[in-house]
N, C-alpha and C. Protein backbone atom coordinates (compact mmCIF):
# COMPACT_ATOMS: atom_id res chain seq x y z
N MET A 1 -68.30 -16.35 22.51
CA MET A 1 -67.43 -16.61 21.41
C MET A 1 -66.29 -15.62 21.29
N ASP A 2 -66.57 -14.39 21.70
CA ASP A 2 -65.51 -13.39 21.65
C ASP A 2 -64.32 -13.78 22.52
N VAL A 3 -64.61 -14.40 23.64
CA VAL A 3 -63.54 -14.82 24.54
C VAL A 3 -62.70 -15.89 23.87
N TRP A 4 -63.36 -16.82 23.19
CA TRP A 4 -62.63 -17.89 22.52
C TRP A 4 -61.75 -17.33 21.41
N LEU A 5 -62.24 -16.33 20.63
CA LEU A 5 -61.45 -15.72 19.56
C LEU A 5 -60.26 -14.95 20.11
N LYS A 6 -60.48 -14.22 21.20
CA LYS A 6 -59.38 -13.48 21.82
C LYS A 6 -58.29 -14.43 22.29
N GLY A 7 -58.72 -15.53 22.91
CA GLY A 7 -57.74 -16.52 23.39
C GLY A 7 -56.99 -17.15 22.23
N ARG A 8 -57.69 -17.40 21.16
CA ARG A 8 -57.09 -18.01 19.97
C ARG A 8 -56.08 -17.06 19.33
N ARG A 9 -56.43 -15.77 19.26
CA ARG A 9 -55.54 -14.76 18.67
C ARG A 9 -54.26 -14.60 19.51
N SER A 10 -54.41 -14.60 20.81
CA SER A 10 -53.23 -14.47 21.66
C SER A 10 -52.32 -15.69 21.52
N GLU A 11 -52.92 -16.88 21.36
CA GLU A 11 -52.12 -18.08 21.14
C GLU A 11 -51.36 -17.99 19.81
N GLU A 12 -52.01 -17.47 18.78
CA GLU A 12 -51.34 -17.32 17.49
C GLU A 12 -50.18 -16.34 17.59
N LYS A 13 -50.39 -15.23 18.32
CA LYS A 13 -49.31 -14.26 18.50
C LYS A 13 -48.14 -14.89 19.25
N THR A 14 -48.44 -15.65 20.27
CA THR A 14 -47.39 -16.31 21.06
C THR A 14 -46.63 -17.29 20.18
N ASP A 15 -47.34 -18.05 19.34
CA ASP A 15 -46.68 -19.00 18.45
C ASP A 15 -45.77 -18.27 17.46
N ARG A 16 -46.23 -17.15 16.92
CA ARG A 16 -45.41 -16.39 15.97
C ARG A 16 -44.16 -15.83 16.65
N VAL A 17 -44.31 -15.33 17.87
CA VAL A 17 -43.17 -14.78 18.62
C VAL A 17 -42.18 -15.89 18.91
N LYS A 18 -42.66 -17.05 19.32
CA LYS A 18 -41.77 -18.17 19.60
C LYS A 18 -41.02 -18.61 18.35
N SER A 19 -41.74 -18.72 17.23
CA SER A 19 -41.07 -19.15 16.00
C SER A 19 -40.07 -18.09 15.54
N HIS A 20 -40.39 -16.84 15.74
CA HIS A 20 -39.47 -15.76 15.39
C HIS A 20 -38.22 -15.81 16.26
N CYS A 21 -38.39 -16.09 17.54
CA CYS A 21 -37.26 -16.19 18.45
C CYS A 21 -36.37 -17.37 18.10
N LEU A 22 -36.97 -18.47 17.67
CA LEU A 22 -36.17 -19.63 17.28
C LEU A 22 -35.33 -19.32 16.05
N ILE A 23 -35.90 -18.61 15.12
CA ILE A 23 -35.15 -18.24 13.93
C ILE A 23 -34.00 -17.31 14.31
N SER A 24 -34.26 -16.37 15.18
CA SER A 24 -33.22 -15.44 15.62
C SER A 24 -32.11 -16.16 16.36
N ALA A 25 -32.46 -17.10 17.19
CA ALA A 25 -31.45 -17.85 17.94
C ALA A 25 -30.58 -18.68 16.99
N GLU A 26 -31.23 -19.28 15.99
CA GLU A 26 -30.47 -20.06 15.02
C GLU A 26 -29.57 -19.16 14.19
N ALA A 27 -30.08 -18.01 13.80
CA ALA A 27 -29.28 -17.07 13.04
C ALA A 27 -28.11 -16.57 13.88
N MET A 28 -28.34 -16.34 15.15
CA MET A 28 -27.28 -15.88 16.05
C MET A 28 -26.20 -16.95 16.19
N LYS A 29 -26.59 -18.20 16.33
CA LYS A 29 -25.62 -19.29 16.42
C LYS A 29 -24.77 -19.35 15.16
N THR A 30 -25.42 -19.20 14.01
CA THR A 30 -24.70 -19.22 12.74
C THR A 30 -23.71 -18.07 12.66
N LEU A 31 -24.14 -16.89 13.08
CA LEU A 31 -23.24 -15.74 13.05
C LEU A 31 -22.05 -15.92 13.98
N VAL A 32 -22.29 -16.47 15.15
CA VAL A 32 -21.20 -16.70 16.11
C VAL A 32 -20.20 -17.70 15.54
N ILE A 33 -20.71 -18.77 14.96
CA ILE A 33 -19.82 -19.79 14.37
C ILE A 33 -19.04 -19.19 13.20
N LEU A 34 -19.70 -18.41 12.37
CA LEU A 34 -19.03 -17.76 11.25
C LEU A 34 -17.95 -16.81 11.73
N PHE A 35 -18.25 -16.04 12.77
CA PHE A 35 -17.27 -15.11 13.33
C PHE A 35 -16.06 -15.86 13.90
N LEU A 36 -16.30 -16.94 14.63
CA LEU A 36 -15.18 -17.70 15.20
C LEU A 36 -14.32 -18.34 14.12
N CYS A 37 -14.95 -18.82 13.06
CA CYS A 37 -14.18 -19.39 11.94
C CYS A 37 -13.33 -18.31 11.27
N THR A 38 -13.90 -17.13 11.08
CA THR A 38 -13.16 -16.02 10.48
C THR A 38 -11.99 -15.62 11.36
N LEU A 39 -12.21 -15.56 12.66
CA LEU A 39 -11.15 -15.21 13.59
C LEU A 39 -10.03 -16.25 13.56
N ALA A 40 -10.39 -17.52 13.48
CA ALA A 40 -9.39 -18.58 13.41
C ALA A 40 -8.56 -18.47 12.13
N VAL A 41 -9.20 -18.17 11.02
CA VAL A 41 -8.48 -18.03 9.75
C VAL A 41 -7.52 -16.85 9.80
N VAL A 42 -7.96 -15.74 10.37
CA VAL A 42 -7.09 -14.57 10.48
C VAL A 42 -5.89 -14.87 11.36
N CYS A 43 -6.10 -15.55 12.47
CA CYS A 43 -5.00 -15.88 13.37
C CYS A 43 -3.99 -16.82 12.71
N VAL A 44 -4.49 -17.79 11.99
CA VAL A 44 -3.60 -18.77 11.35
C VAL A 44 -2.83 -18.14 10.20
N SER A 45 -3.47 -17.27 9.44
CA SER A 45 -2.82 -16.74 8.25
C SER A 45 -2.08 -15.43 8.50
N SER A 46 -2.07 -14.94 9.73
CA SER A 46 -1.38 -13.66 9.99
C SER A 46 0.12 -13.85 9.88
N ASP A 47 0.80 -12.74 9.61
CA ASP A 47 2.25 -12.77 9.47
C ASP A 47 2.97 -12.63 10.80
N ALA A 48 2.24 -12.55 11.87
CA ALA A 48 2.87 -12.39 13.18
C ALA A 48 3.68 -13.64 13.51
N ALA A 49 4.89 -13.39 13.98
CA ALA A 49 5.77 -14.50 14.32
C ALA A 49 5.32 -15.13 15.63
N THR A 50 5.34 -16.44 15.67
CA THR A 50 5.02 -17.13 16.91
C THR A 50 6.31 -17.69 17.47
N GLY A 51 6.45 -17.60 18.74
CA GLY A 51 7.66 -18.09 19.37
C GLY A 51 8.63 -16.95 19.63
N PRO A 52 9.74 -17.26 20.28
CA PRO A 52 10.71 -16.22 20.62
C PRO A 52 11.45 -15.69 19.40
N GLN A 53 11.80 -14.42 19.45
CA GLN A 53 12.56 -13.79 18.37
C GLN A 53 14.04 -14.12 18.53
N PRO A 54 14.80 -14.15 17.44
CA PRO A 54 16.23 -14.40 17.55
C PRO A 54 16.92 -13.29 18.34
N ALA A 55 17.99 -13.64 19.00
CA ALA A 55 18.71 -12.68 19.84
C ALA A 55 19.40 -11.61 19.01
N SER A 56 19.73 -11.89 17.75
CA SER A 56 20.43 -10.90 16.93
C SER A 56 19.57 -9.67 16.67
N GLU A 57 18.26 -9.84 16.53
CA GLU A 57 17.38 -8.69 16.32
C GLU A 57 17.29 -7.84 17.57
N ASP A 58 17.30 -8.45 18.76
CA ASP A 58 17.26 -7.70 20.00
C ASP A 58 18.52 -6.89 20.19
N ALA A 59 19.65 -7.43 19.77
CA ALA A 59 20.91 -6.72 19.93
C ALA A 59 20.96 -5.48 19.04
N GLU A 60 20.29 -5.52 17.89
CA GLU A 60 20.29 -4.38 16.99
C GLU A 60 19.39 -3.25 17.49
N MET A 61 18.50 -3.55 18.40
CA MET A 61 17.57 -2.55 18.89
C MET A 61 18.27 -1.56 19.83
N PHE A 62 19.26 -2.00 20.57
CA PHE A 62 19.94 -1.15 21.53
C PHE A 62 21.37 -0.87 21.05
N VAL A 63 21.84 0.34 21.32
CA VAL A 63 23.21 0.70 20.98
C VAL A 63 23.91 1.15 22.25
N GLU A 64 25.22 1.19 22.17
CA GLU A 64 25.99 1.62 23.34
C GLU A 64 25.81 3.12 23.55
N ARG A 65 26.04 3.55 24.77
CA ARG A 65 25.84 4.95 25.13
C ARG A 65 26.75 5.88 24.31
N GLN A 66 28.01 5.49 24.13
CA GLN A 66 28.95 6.33 23.38
C GLN A 66 28.52 6.47 21.92
N GLN A 67 28.08 5.38 21.35
CA GLN A 67 27.63 5.40 19.96
C GLN A 67 26.37 6.27 19.81
N ALA A 68 25.47 6.19 20.77
CA ALA A 68 24.25 7.00 20.72
C ALA A 68 24.57 8.48 20.87
N SER A 69 25.49 8.82 21.76
CA SER A 69 25.81 10.24 21.94
C SER A 69 26.51 10.80 20.71
N THR A 70 27.27 9.97 20.00
CA THR A 70 27.90 10.42 18.75
C THR A 70 26.83 10.77 17.72
N VAL A 71 25.82 9.93 17.61
CA VAL A 71 24.74 10.19 16.65
C VAL A 71 23.99 11.46 17.04
N VAL A 72 23.72 11.64 18.32
CA VAL A 72 23.00 12.82 18.77
C VAL A 72 23.83 14.07 18.52
N ARG A 73 25.13 14.01 18.77
CA ARG A 73 26.00 15.17 18.51
C ARG A 73 26.02 15.52 17.04
N GLN A 74 26.04 14.51 16.17
CA GLN A 74 26.04 14.79 14.74
C GLN A 74 24.74 15.46 14.32
N ARG A 75 23.64 15.04 14.88
CA ARG A 75 22.37 15.67 14.54
C ARG A 75 22.32 17.10 15.06
N ARG A 76 22.86 17.33 16.23
CA ARG A 76 22.88 18.69 16.77
C ARG A 76 23.77 19.59 15.94
N ALA A 77 24.89 19.05 15.49
CA ALA A 77 25.82 19.85 14.71
C ALA A 77 25.23 20.23 13.36
N ALA A 78 24.33 19.42 12.87
CA ALA A 78 23.74 19.69 11.56
C ALA A 78 22.87 20.93 11.57
N GLY A 79 22.24 21.25 12.71
CA GLY A 79 21.37 22.42 12.78
C GLY A 79 22.14 23.68 13.13
N GLN A 80 21.57 24.81 12.79
CA GLN A 80 22.18 26.10 13.12
C GLN A 80 21.68 26.56 14.47
N LEU A 81 22.58 27.15 15.26
CA LEU A 81 22.20 27.70 16.56
C LEU A 81 21.67 29.11 16.37
N SER A 82 20.66 29.45 17.14
CA SER A 82 20.12 30.80 17.06
C SER A 82 21.04 31.77 17.80
N LEU A 83 20.80 33.05 17.62
CA LEU A 83 21.61 34.06 18.30
C LEU A 83 21.46 33.99 19.81
N VAL A 84 20.27 33.68 20.28
CA VAL A 84 20.04 33.54 21.72
C VAL A 84 20.83 32.36 22.28
N GLN A 85 20.87 31.26 21.55
CA GLN A 85 21.64 30.09 22.00
C GLN A 85 23.14 30.39 22.00
N LEU A 86 23.62 31.07 20.97
CA LEU A 86 25.04 31.43 20.92
C LEU A 86 25.41 32.38 22.07
N GLU A 87 24.53 33.33 22.38
CA GLU A 87 24.78 34.25 23.47
C GLU A 87 24.82 33.52 24.81
N SER A 88 23.97 32.54 24.96
CA SER A 88 23.97 31.74 26.19
C SER A 88 25.28 30.97 26.32
N LEU A 89 25.76 30.39 25.24
CA LEU A 89 27.06 29.69 25.27
C LEU A 89 28.19 30.67 25.59
N ARG A 90 28.13 31.85 25.02
CA ARG A 90 29.16 32.87 25.24
C ARG A 90 29.21 33.27 26.72
N GLU A 91 28.04 33.44 27.36
CA GLU A 91 28.00 33.82 28.77
C GLU A 91 28.60 32.74 29.65
N VAL A 92 28.31 31.49 29.34
CA VAL A 92 28.89 30.38 30.11
C VAL A 92 30.40 30.35 29.93
N CYS A 93 30.85 30.54 28.70
CA CYS A 93 32.27 30.45 28.38
C CYS A 93 33.07 31.64 28.96
N GLU A 94 32.44 32.79 29.09
CA GLU A 94 33.13 33.96 29.62
C GLU A 94 33.47 33.81 31.09
N ALA A 95 32.79 32.92 31.79
CA ALA A 95 33.08 32.70 33.21
C ALA A 95 34.41 31.97 33.42
N ASN A 96 34.94 31.35 32.39
CA ASN A 96 36.20 30.60 32.46
C ASN A 96 37.22 31.31 31.56
N LEU A 97 38.37 31.75 32.13
CA LEU A 97 39.35 32.52 31.34
C LEU A 97 39.91 31.71 30.19
N GLY A 98 40.18 30.42 30.40
CA GLY A 98 40.72 29.57 29.33
C GLY A 98 39.73 29.42 28.19
N CYS A 99 38.49 29.24 28.56
CA CYS A 99 37.43 29.10 27.55
C CYS A 99 37.26 30.42 26.79
N GLU A 100 37.36 31.54 27.53
CA GLU A 100 37.20 32.85 26.88
C GLU A 100 38.33 33.12 25.89
N ASP A 101 39.57 32.76 26.25
CA ASP A 101 40.69 32.93 25.32
C ASP A 101 40.53 32.04 24.09
N MET A 102 40.12 30.79 24.31
CA MET A 102 39.93 29.89 23.18
C MET A 102 38.76 30.36 22.31
N MET A 103 37.76 30.98 22.92
CA MET A 103 36.61 31.49 22.18
C MET A 103 37.06 32.57 21.20
N ASP A 104 38.02 33.40 21.62
CA ASP A 104 38.51 34.47 20.74
C ASP A 104 39.32 33.93 19.57
N THR A 105 39.98 32.80 19.74
CA THR A 105 40.83 32.28 18.67
C THR A 105 40.16 31.20 17.82
N HIS A 106 39.37 30.33 18.44
CA HIS A 106 38.80 29.19 17.71
C HIS A 106 37.29 29.28 17.50
N GLY A 107 36.63 30.18 18.17
CA GLY A 107 35.18 30.31 18.03
C GLY A 107 34.44 29.78 19.25
N ILE A 108 33.24 30.24 19.40
CA ILE A 108 32.45 29.91 20.58
C ILE A 108 32.10 28.43 20.67
N ILE A 109 31.76 27.82 19.55
CA ILE A 109 31.34 26.42 19.58
C ILE A 109 32.50 25.51 19.93
N ALA A 110 33.66 25.74 19.33
CA ALA A 110 34.84 24.93 19.63
C ALA A 110 35.27 25.10 21.09
N ALA A 111 35.24 26.34 21.59
CA ALA A 111 35.65 26.59 22.96
C ALA A 111 34.68 25.94 23.95
N TYR A 112 33.39 26.13 23.73
CA TYR A 112 32.40 25.56 24.65
C TYR A 112 32.51 24.04 24.65
N THR A 113 32.65 23.44 23.49
CA THR A 113 32.74 21.98 23.39
C THR A 113 34.00 21.46 24.07
N ALA A 114 35.12 22.19 23.93
CA ALA A 114 36.37 21.75 24.55
C ALA A 114 36.30 21.81 26.07
N TYR A 115 35.65 22.83 26.61
CA TYR A 115 35.63 22.99 28.06
C TYR A 115 34.42 22.37 28.75
N TYR A 116 33.28 22.34 28.09
CA TYR A 116 32.05 21.89 28.77
C TYR A 116 31.38 20.68 28.11
N GLY A 117 31.91 20.18 27.02
CA GLY A 117 31.33 19.02 26.38
C GLY A 117 30.33 19.42 25.30
N PRO A 118 29.48 18.47 24.91
CA PRO A 118 28.54 18.76 23.82
C PRO A 118 27.56 19.88 24.16
N ILE A 119 27.16 20.60 23.14
CA ILE A 119 26.23 21.71 23.31
C ILE A 119 24.86 21.12 23.69
N PRO A 120 24.23 21.66 24.74
CA PRO A 120 22.99 21.04 25.24
C PRO A 120 21.76 21.26 24.38
N TYR A 121 21.82 22.08 23.33
CA TYR A 121 20.63 22.25 22.50
C TYR A 121 20.89 21.90 21.08
């Protein structure tokens, strides 16, 4: 009789495991369907534009080289140069007699800019 009870108990355990697995599989299917529905709602209701963007917005993203360098020069001019930077400009300008003369009359920044272009820092 012990053998029959052991066999019966193992069958009951197997039945419980199978029924538990079926519930888990059904719950998993429900979760997957719920997730896909949520994903579809998010995609449909998002503010992301579909299709090509107008050409006018692309044109505003890029500027001409001259216009960009003007903006960069204005930002550089807004900051103060350190003494080390001014000394570096002075050494470069002293190598050119015209720049050195202009440096004495108009200042180092004006002379360097006139002879060598925008200040590199």
